[in-house]
């Protein structure tokens, strides 16, 4: 009689622990992705700037 409520309680505790760890992992991954996207944005800006400089040099040569 006591075994069933103990098993249910352990399953509920396991669910909450798993849920908290899942949410934590989501938050960590979203922070990493946001950081990577800002790095990518900076690199793209640098490439665009270099491309514009190259186009200006090519126009000057004509």
PDB file of N, CA and C in Angstrom:
ATOM      1  N   UNK A   1       0.815  -1.209   0.000  1.00  0.00           N
ATOM      2  CA  UNK A   1       0.000   0.000   0.000  1.00  0.00           C
ATOM      3  C   UNK A   1       0.858   1.274   0.000  1.00  0.00           C
ATOM      4  N   UNK A   2       1.964   1.270   0.668  1.00  0.00           N
ATOM      5  CA  UNK A   2       2.810   2.454   0.767  1.00  0.00           C
ATOM      6  C   UNK A   2       3.698   2.586  -0.470  1.00  0.00           C
ATOM      7  N   UNK A   3       3.937   1.520  -1.165  1.00  0.00           N
ATOM      8  CA  UNK A   3       4.851   1.508  -2.295  1.00  0.00           C
ATOM      9  C   UNK A   3       4.360   2.373  -3.457  1.00  0.00           C
ATOM     10  N   UNK A   4       3.073   2.305  -3.753  1.00  0.00           N
ATOM     11  CA  UNK A   4       2.526   3.058  -4.878  1.00  0.00           C
ATOM     12  C   UNK A   4       2.689   4.577  -4.705  1.00  0.00           C
ATOM     13  N   UNK A   5       2.317   5.170  -3.578  1.00  0.00           N
ATOM     14  CA  UNK A   5       2.512   6.629  -3.419  1.00  0.00           C
ATOM     15  C   UNK A   5       3.996   7.033  -3.448  1.00  0.00           C
ATOM     16  N   UNK A   6       4.868   6.191  -2.949  1.00  0.00           N
ATOM     17  CA  UNK A   6       6.289   6.506  -2.971  1.00  0.00           C
ATOM     18  C   UNK A   6       6.793   6.529  -4.416  1.00  0.00           C
ATOM     19  N   UNK A   7       6.367   5.566  -5.216  1.00  0.00           N
ATOM     20  CA  UNK A   7       6.758   5.516  -6.624  1.00  0.00           C
ATOM     21  C   UNK A   7       6.219   6.732  -7.366  1.00  0.00           C
ATOM     22  N   UNK A   8       4.983   7.096  -7.121  1.00  0.00           N
ATOM     23  CA  UNK A   8       4.392   8.265  -7.767  1.00  0.00           C
ATOM     24  C   UNK A   8       5.145   9.532  -7.359  1.00  0.00           C
ATOM     25  N   UNK A   9       5.458   9.664  -6.100  1.00  0.00           N
ATOM     26  CA  UNK A   9       6.199  10.826  -5.613  1.00  0.00           C
ATOM     27  C   UNK A   9       7.585  10.897  -6.256  1.00  0.00           C
ATOM     28  N   UNK A  10       8.276   9.780  -6.353  1.00  0.00           N
ATOM     29  CA  UNK A  10       9.588   9.750  -6.982  1.00  0.00           C
ATOM     30  C   UNK A  10       9.501  10.117  -8.466  1.00  0.00           C
ATOM     31  N   UNK A  11       8.460   9.660  -9.140  1.00  0.00           N
ATOM     32  CA  UNK A  11       8.281  10.006 -10.549  1.00  0.00           C
ATOM     33  C   UNK A  11       7.997  11.494 -10.732  1.00  0.00           C
ATOM     34  N   UNK A  12       7.218  12.072  -9.846  1.00  0.00           N
ATOM     35  CA  UNK A  12       6.933  13.504  -9.906  1.00  0.00           C
ATOM     36  C   UNK A  12       8.213  14.302  -9.665  1.00  0.00           C
ATOM     37  N   UNK A  13       8.999  13.886  -8.689  1.00  0.00           N
ATOM     38  CA  UNK A  13      10.268  14.570  -8.414  1.00  0.00           C
ATOM     39  C   UNK A  13      11.201  14.449  -9.614  1.00  0.00           C
ATOM     40  N   UNK A  14      11.277  13.271 -10.194  1.00  0.00           N
ATOM     41  CA  UNK A  14      12.112  13.063 -11.369  1.00  0.00           C
ATOM     42  C   UNK A  14      11.644  13.934 -12.535  1.00  0.00           C
ATOM     43  N   UNK A  15      10.342  14.072 -12.704  1.00  0.00           N
ATOM     44  CA  UNK A  15       9.801  14.925 -13.758  1.00  0.00           C
ATOM     45  C   UNK A  15      10.242  16.374 -13.563  1.00  0.00           C
ATOM     46  N   UNK A  16      10.116  16.888 -12.352  1.00  0.00           N
ATOM     47  CA  UNK A  16      10.481  18.282 -12.102  1.00  0.00           C
ATOM     48  C   UNK A  16      11.980  18.518 -12.280  1.00  0.00           C
ATOM     49  N   UNK A  17      12.793  17.572 -11.836  1.00  0.00           N
ATOM     50  CA  UNK A  17      14.242  17.713 -12.031  1.00  0.00           C
ATOM     51  C   UNK A  17      14.568  17.721 -13.521  1.00  0.00           C
ATOM     52  N   UNK A  18      13.973  16.808 -14.274  1.00  0.00           N
ATOM     53  CA  UNK A  18      14.221  16.749 -15.716  1.00  0.00           C
ATOM     54  C   UNK A  18      13.743  18.017 -16.412  1.00  0.00           C
ATOM     55  N   UNK A  19      12.594  18.519 -16.006  1.00  0.00           N
ATOM     56  CA  UNK A  19      12.039  19.723 -16.604  1.00  0.00           C
ATOM     57  C   UNK A  19      12.940  20.934 -16.340  1.00  0.00           C
ATOM     58  N   UNK A  20      13.424  21.066 -15.114  1.00  0.00           N
ATOM     59  CA  UNK A  20      14.308  22.182 -14.768  1.00  0.00           C
ATOM     60  C   UNK A  20      15.603  22.093 -15.564  1.00  0.00           C
ATOM     61  N   UNK A  21      16.176  20.908 -15.690  1.00  0.00           N
ATOM     62  CA  UNK A  21      17.405  20.747 -16.457  1.00  0.00           C
ATOM     63  C   UNK A  21      17.175  21.029 -17.938  1.00  0.00           C
ATOM     64  N   UNK A  22      16.016  20.650 -18.453  1.00  0.00           N
ATOM     65  CA  UNK A  22      15.676  20.913 -19.848  1.00  0.00           C
ATOM     66  C   UNK A  22      15.573  22.415 -20.109  1.00  0.00           C
ATOM     67  N   UNK A  23      14.879  23.135 -19.240  1.00  0.00           N
ATOM     68  CA  UNK A  23      14.735  24.583 -19.380  1.00  0.00           C
ATOM     69  C   UNK A  23      16.097  25.260 -19.255  1.00  0.00           C
ATOM     70  N   UNK A  24      16.916  24.786 -18.328  1.00  0.00           N
ATOM     71  CA  UNK A  24      18.256  25.347 -18.147  1.00  0.00           C
ATOM     72  C   UNK A  24      19.075  25.180 -19.426  1.00  0.00           C
ATOM     73  N   UNK A  25      19.008  24.004 -20.030  1.00  0.00           N
ATOM     74  CA  UNK A  25      19.757  23.750 -21.260  1.00  0.00           C
ATOM     75  C   UNK A  25      19.241  24.642 -22.391  1.00  0.00           C
ATOM     76  N   UNK A  26      17.938  24.846 -22.475  1.00  0.00           N
ATOM     77  CA  UNK A  26      17.383  25.741 -23.489  1.00  0.00           C
ATOM     78  C   UNK A  26      17.905  27.166 -23.325  1.00  0.00           C
ATOM     79  N   UNK A  27      17.946  27.636 -22.097  1.00  0.00           N
ATOM     80  CA  UNK A  27      18.432  28.992 -21.837  1.00  0.00           C
ATOM     81  C   UNK A  27      19.904  29.126 -22.182  1.00  0.00           C
ATOM     82  N   UNK A  28      20.693  28.123 -21.844  1.00  0.00           N
ATOM     83  CA  UNK A  28      22.125  28.170 -22.164  1.00  0.00           C
ATOM     84  C   UNK A  28      22.324  28.171 -23.673  1.00  0.00           C
ATOM     85  N   UNK A  29      21.598  27.304 -24.374  1.00  0.00           N
ATOM     86  CA  UNK A  29      21.738  27.230 -25.835  1.00  0.00           C
ATOM     87  C   UNK A  29      21.292  28.519 -26.513  1.00  0.00           C
ATOM     88  N   UNK A  30      20.227  29.134 -26.015  1.00  0.00           N
ATOM     89  CA  UNK A  30      19.765  30.378 -26.636  1.00  0.00           C
ATOM     90  C   UNK A  30      20.780  31.500 -26.410  1.00  0.00           C
ATOM     91  N   UNK A  31      21.433  31.508 -25.252  1.00  0.00           N
ATOM     92  CA  UNK A  31      22.457  32.514 -24.993  1.00  0.00           C
ATOM     93  C   UNK A  31      23.652  32.318 -25.925  1.00  0.00           C
ATOM     94  N   UNK A  32      24.038  31.074 -26.146  1.00  0.00           N
ATOM     95  CA  UNK A  32      25.157  30.782 -27.042  1.00  0.00           C
ATOM     96  C   UNK A  32      24.805  31.178 -28.475  1.00  0.00           C
ATOM     97  N   UNK A  33      23.589  30.872 -28.894  1.00  0.00           N
ATOM     98  CA  UNK A  33      23.172  31.227 -30.260  1.00  0.00           C
ATOM     99  C   UNK A  33      23.129  32.743 -30.440  1.00  0.00           C
ATOM    100  N   UNK A  34      22.664  33.462 -29.432  1.00  0.00           N
ATOM    101  CA  UNK A  34      22.619  34.924 -29.526  1.00  0.00           C
ATOM    102  C   UNK A  34      24.026  35.488 -29.644  1.00  0.00           C
ATOM    103  N   UNK A  35      24.949  34.925 -28.900  1.00  0.00           N
ATOM    104  CA  UNK A  35      26.336  35.378 -28.964  1.00  0.00           C
ATOM    105  C   UNK A  35      26.931  35.070 -30.332  1.00  0.00           C
ATOM    106  N   UNK A  36      26.658  33.885 -30.854  1.00  0.00           N
ATOM    107  CA  UNK A  36      27.175  33.507 -32.169  1.00  0.00           C
ATOM    108  C   UNK A  36      26.584  34.381 -33.270  1.00  0.00           C
ATOM    109  N   UNK A  37      25.316  34.719 -33.142  1.00  0.00           N
ATOM    110  CA  UNK A  37      24.696  35.543 -34.182  1.00  0.00           C
ATOM    111  C   UNK A  37      25.259  36.964 -34.165  1.00  0.00           C
ATOM    112  N   UNK A  38      25.610  37.470 -32.990  1.00  0.00           N
ATOM    113  CA  UNK A  38      26.216  38.807 -32.950  1.00  0.00           C
ATOM    114  C   UNK A  38      27.621  38.766 -33.550  1.00  0.00           C
ATOM    115  N   UNK A  39      28.352  37.683 -33.297  1.00  0.00           N
ATOM    116  CA  UNK A  39      29.675  37.529 -33.917  1.00  0.00           C
ATOM    117  C   UNK A  39      29.537  37.447 -35.435  1.00  0.00           C
ATOM    118  N   UNK A  40      28.560  36.704 -35.890  1.00  0.00           N
ATOM    119  CA  UNK A  40      28.328  36.567 -37.323  1.00  0.00           C
ATOM    120  C   UNK A  40      27.946  37.908 -37.940  1.00  0.00           C
ATOM    121  N   UNK A  41      27.143  38.664 -37.232  1.00  0.00           N
ATOM    122  CA  UNK A  41      26.740  39.977 -37.722  1.00  0.00           C
ATOM    123  C   UNK A  41      27.951  40.902 -37.860  1.00  0.00           C
ATOM    124  N   UNK A  42      28.844  40.865 -36.879  1.00  0.00           N
ATOM    125  CA  UNK A  42      30.052  41.693 -36.951  1.00  0.00           C
ATOM    126  C   UNK A  42      30.921  41.287 -38.140  1.00  0.00           C
ATOM    127  N   UNK A  43      31.050  39.990 -38.371  1.00  0.00           N
ATOM    128  CA  UNK A  43      31.849  39.513 -39.505  1.00  0.00           C
ATOM    129  C   UNK A  43      31.216  39.930 -40.831  1.00  0.00           C
ATOM    130  N   UNK A  44      29.898  39.848 -40.904  1.00  0.00           N
ATOM    131  CA  UNK A  44      29.206  40.250 -42.131  1.00  0.00           C
ATOM    132  C   UNK A  44      29.395  41.743 -42.386  1.00  0.00           C
ATOM    133  N   UNK A  45      29.318  42.560 -41.336  1.00  0.00           N
ATOM    134  CA  UNK A  45      29.545  44.005 -41.490  1.00  0.00           C
ATOM    135  C   UNK A  45      30.949  44.283 -42.009  1.00  0.00           C
ATOM    136  N   UNK A  46      31.919  43.549 -41.483  1.00  0.00           N
ATOM    137  CA  UNK A  46      33.299  43.730 -41.927  1.00  0.00           C
ATOM    138  C   UNK A  46      33.445  43.339 -43.405  1.00  0.00           C
ATOM    139  N   UNK A  47      32.803  42.231 -43.801  1.00  0.00           N
ATOM    140  CA  UNK A  47      32.859  41.802 -45.201  1.00  0.00           C
ATOM    141  C   UNK A  47      32.200  42.821 -46.131  1.00  0.00           C
ATOM    142  N   UNK A  48      31.097  43.369 -45.702  1.00  0.00           N
ATOM    143  CA  UNK A  48      30.408  44.378 -46.517  1.00  0.00           C
ATOM    144  C   UNK A  48      31.283  45.618 -46.674  1.00  0.00           C
ATOM    145  N   UNK A  49      31.915  46.014 -45.586  1.00  0.00           N
ATOM    146  CA  UNK A  49      32.795  47.182 -45.644  1.00  0.00           C
ATOM    147  C   UNK A  49      33.974  46.929 -46.586  1.00  0.00           C
ATOM    148  N   UNK A  50      34.567  45.749 -46.507  1.00  0.00           N
ATOM    149  CA  UNK A  50      35.680  45.405 -47.397  1.00  0.00           C
ATOM    150  C   UNK A  50      35.218  45.352 -48.854  1.00  0.00           C
ATOM    151  N   UNK A  51      34.025  44.854 -49.062  1.00  0.00           N
ATOM    152  CA  UNK A  51      33.475  44.785 -50.420  1.00  0.00           C
ATOM    153  C   UNK A  51      33.271  46.195 -50.985  1.00  0.00           C
ATOM    154  N   UNK A  52      32.773  47.095 -50.172  1.00  0.00           N
ATOM    155  CA  UNK A  52      32.579  48.474 -50.622  1.00  0.00           C
ATOM    156  C   UNK A  52      33.916  49.133 -50.947  1.00  0.00           C
ATOM    157  N   UNK A  53      34.930  48.873 -50.127  1.00  0.00           N
ATOM    158  CA  UNK A  53      36.252  49.432 -50.401  1.00  0.00           C
ATOM    159  C   UNK A  53      36.810  48.875 -51.708  1.00  0.00           C
ATOM    160  N   UNK A  54      36.625  47.604 -51.946  1.00  0.00           N
ATOM    161  CA  UNK A  54      37.090  46.985 -53.177  1.00  0.00           C
ATOM    162  C   UNK A  54      36.375  47.566 -54.389  1.00  0.00           C
ATOM    163  N   UNK A  55      35.079  47.789 -54.269  1.00  0.00           N
ATOM    164  CA  UNK A  55      34.327  48.385 -55.374  1.00  0.00           C
ATOM    165  C   UNK A  55      34.805  49.808 -55.662  1.00  0.00           C
ATOM    166  N   UNK A  56      35.105  50.563 -54.602  1.00  0.00           N
ATOM    167  CA  UNK A  56      35.623  51.920 -54.797  1.00  0.00           C
ATOM    168  C   UNK A  56      36.977  51.892 -55.515  1.00  0.00           C
ATOM    169  N   UNK A  57      37.830  50.961 -55.130  1.00  0.00           N
ATOM    170  CA  UNK A  57      39.131  50.843 -55.791  1.00  0.00           C
ATOM    171  C   UNK A  57      38.974  50.476 -57.275  1.00  0.00           C
ATOM    172  N   UNK A  58      38.048  49.586 -57.544  1.00  0.00           N
ATOM    173  CA  UNK A  58      37.821  49.195 -58.942  1.00  0.00           C
ATOM    174  C   UNK A  58      37.272  50.356 -59.756  1.00  0.00           C
ATOM    175  N   UNK A  59      36.403  51.158 -59.162  1.00  0.00           N
ATOM    176  CA  UNK A  59      35.870  52.326 -59.882  1.00  0.00           C
ATOM    177  C   UNK A  59      36.957  53.360 -60.131  1.00  0.00           C
ATOM    178  N   UNK A  60      37.880  53.517 -59.195  1.00  0.00           N
ATOM    179  CA  UNK A  60      38.972  54.482 -59.346  1.00  0.00           C
ATOM    180  C   UNK A  60      39.919  54.069 -60.471  1.00  0.00           C
ATOM    181  N   UNK A  61      40.075  52.782 -60.700  1.00  0.00           N
ATOM    182  CA  UNK A  61      40.980  52.297 -61.739  1.00  0.00           C
ATOM    183  C   UNK A  61      40.430  52.527 -63.141  1.00  0.00           C
ATOM    184  N   UNK A  62      39.140  52.675 -63.269  1.00  0.00           N
ATOM    185  CA  UNK A  62      38.542  52.850 -64.612  1.00  0.00           C
ATOM    186  C   UNK A  62      38.779  54.206 -65.185  1.00  0.00           C
TER     187      UNK A  62
END
